[in-house]
Amino acid sequence: MTKFFSKIVGSSFCDGQKLIPNLKPGELLIWEREKDNTHDSNAILLFNQAKQKLGYIPATTSKDLAPGLDDGTIKAMEVKVSEVTGGGNVKSVGCNIQIETFNDIEPF
């Protein structure tokens, strides 16, 4: 098991800026590999529980995760909201996330 923190990127290119303020710390996010992404073949897309697109795991992180997800080395991955940032007087919002990978057992 490996646990680390990252953030959601690309939220301004989808509905993420509208959706992120409604996220709560500890909320599980849905992830999906996007191998056919023309900008990044390692892309990992993130959704809320309503399957609305929030943005992506940063390319610098997904390049390390994608191969293990694709070849099965990473058996499962859990992505949770850590903190919503910005808003108020700041025009944009952000979302810090916690990523946990499981290499030998399923988390459930």
Protein backbone atom coordinates (compact mmCIF):
# COMPACT_ATOMS: atom_id res chain seq x y z
CA MET A 1 0.00 0.00 0.00
CA THR A 2 1.21 3.47 -0.88
CA LYS A 3 -0.47 6.69 0.24
CA PHE A 4 0.37 10.21 -0.92
CA PHE A 5 -1.20 13.59 -1.66
CA SER A 6 -1.72 15.38 -4.96
CA LYS A 7 -4.29 17.73 -6.49
CA ILE A 8 -6.86 17.93 -9.26
CA VAL A 9 -5.67 19.76 -12.38
CA GLY A 10 -7.54 20.86 -15.50
CA SER A 11 -10.74 21.69 -13.63
CA SER A 12 -11.18 24.91 -15.59
CA PHE A 13 -11.50 22.91 -18.83
CA CYS A 14 -14.62 21.09 -17.62
CA ASP A 15 -17.29 21.69 -14.97
CA GLY A 16 -14.76 21.18 -12.16
CA GLN A 17 -14.73 24.82 -11.10
CA LYS A 18 -18.50 24.62 -10.48
CA LEU A 19 -18.42 21.17 -8.87
CA ILE A 20 -15.32 21.27 -6.64
CA PRO A 21 -16.80 23.70 -4.05
CA ASN A 22 -19.43 21.03 -3.26
CA LEU A 23 -16.85 18.33 -2.44
CA LYS A 24 -16.27 17.35 1.18
CA PRO A 25 -13.06 16.09 2.84
CA GLY A 26 -13.02 12.30 2.84
CA GLU A 27 -15.35 12.01 -0.15
CA LEU A 28 -14.37 9.22 -2.51
CA LEU A 29 -13.78 10.17 -6.13
CA ILE A 30 -14.19 7.96 -9.17
CA TRP A 31 -11.15 7.61 -11.40
CA GLU A 32 -10.86 6.38 -14.95
CA ARG A 33 -7.83 5.75 -17.14
CA GLU A 34 -8.00 7.75 -20.35
CA LYS A 35 -5.47 5.95 -22.56
CA ASP A 36 -6.76 7.62 -25.72
CA ASN A 37 -6.17 11.15 -24.39
CA THR A 38 -4.32 12.96 -27.19
CA HIS A 39 -2.43 15.21 -24.76
CA ASP A 40 -1.35 12.53 -22.27
CA SER A 41 -1.59 8.77 -22.81
CA ASN A 42 -1.12 8.31 -19.03
CA ALA A 43 -4.13 10.52 -18.19
CA ILE A 44 -6.31 9.62 -15.21
CA LEU A 45 -9.65 11.41 -15.18
CA LEU A 46 -11.49 12.17 -11.91
CA PHE A 47 -15.24 12.33 -11.33
CA ASN A 48 -17.50 13.02 -8.35
CA GLN A 49 -19.96 10.34 -7.21
CA ALA A 50 -22.55 11.67 -9.69
CA LYS A 51 -20.00 10.84 -12.46
CA GLN A 52 -19.47 14.53 -13.29
CA LYS A 53 -16.01 15.36 -14.60
CA LEU A 54 -13.81 17.25 -12.11
CA GLY A 55 -10.42 17.22 -13.83
CA TYR A 56 -7.30 15.04 -13.82
CA ILE A 57 -4.54 13.68 -11.66
CA PRO A 58 -1.43 15.74 -12.62
CA ALA A 59 0.63 14.31 -15.49
CA THR A 60 3.73 14.15 -13.28
CA THR A 61 1.83 11.76 -10.99
CA SER A 62 -0.20 9.83 -13.56
CA LYS A 63 2.98 8.90 -15.48
CA ASP A 64 4.00 6.86 -12.43
CA LEU A 65 0.53 5.41 -11.74
CA ALA A 66 -0.71 4.57 -15.25
CA PRO A 67 1.72 1.74 -16.06
CA GLY A 68 0.89 -0.09 -12.82
CA LEU A 69 -2.84 0.38 -13.34
CA ASP A 70 -2.56 -0.85 -16.92
CA ASP A 71 -0.46 -3.94 -16.23
CA GLY A 72 -2.24 -4.89 -12.98
CA THR A 73 0.73 -4.23 -10.68
CA ILE A 74 -1.55 -1.76 -8.90
CA LYS A 75 -4.53 -3.92 -7.96
CA ALA A 76 -6.73 -1.06 -6.74
CA MET A 77 -6.56 2.69 -6.25
CA GLU A 78 -8.62 4.91 -3.97
CA VAL A 79 -8.82 8.68 -4.45
CA LYS A 80 -10.32 10.86 -1.70
CA VAL A 81 -10.85 14.59 -1.29
CA SER A 82 -8.36 15.97 1.20
CA GLU A 83 -9.21 19.68 1.06
CA VAL A 84 -11.02 22.18 -1.15
CA THR A 85 -8.99 25.35 -1.58
CA GLY A 86 -9.66 28.83 -2.92
CA GLY A 87 -13.10 30.29 -3.46
CA GLY A 88 -14.41 33.37 -1.68
CA ASN A 89 -12.30 36.33 -2.81
CA VAL A 90 -10.18 33.99 -4.94
CA LYS A 91 -11.78 33.47 -8.35
CA SER A 92 -10.77 29.83 -8.78
CA VAL A 93 -11.02 26.79 -6.55
CA GLY A 94 -8.75 23.80 -6.20
CA CYS A 95 -8.90 20.38 -4.65
CA ASN A 96 -6.17 18.51 -2.83
CA ILE A 97 -6.57 14.74 -2.98
CA GLN A 98 -5.20 11.69 -1.21
CA ILE A 99 -4.29 8.76 -3.43
CA GLU A 100 -3.87 5.28 -2.01
CA THR A 101 -2.69 2.37 -4.14
CA PHE A 102 -2.89 -1.31 -3.27
CA ASN A 103 -0.40 -3.69 -4.86
CA ASP A 104 -1.19 -7.01 -3.23
CA ILE A 105 -4.70 -6.93 -1.81
CA GLU A 106 -8.02 -5.33 -2.62
CA PRO A 107 -8.98 -2.50 -0.23
CA PHE A 108 -12.46 -3.95 0.42
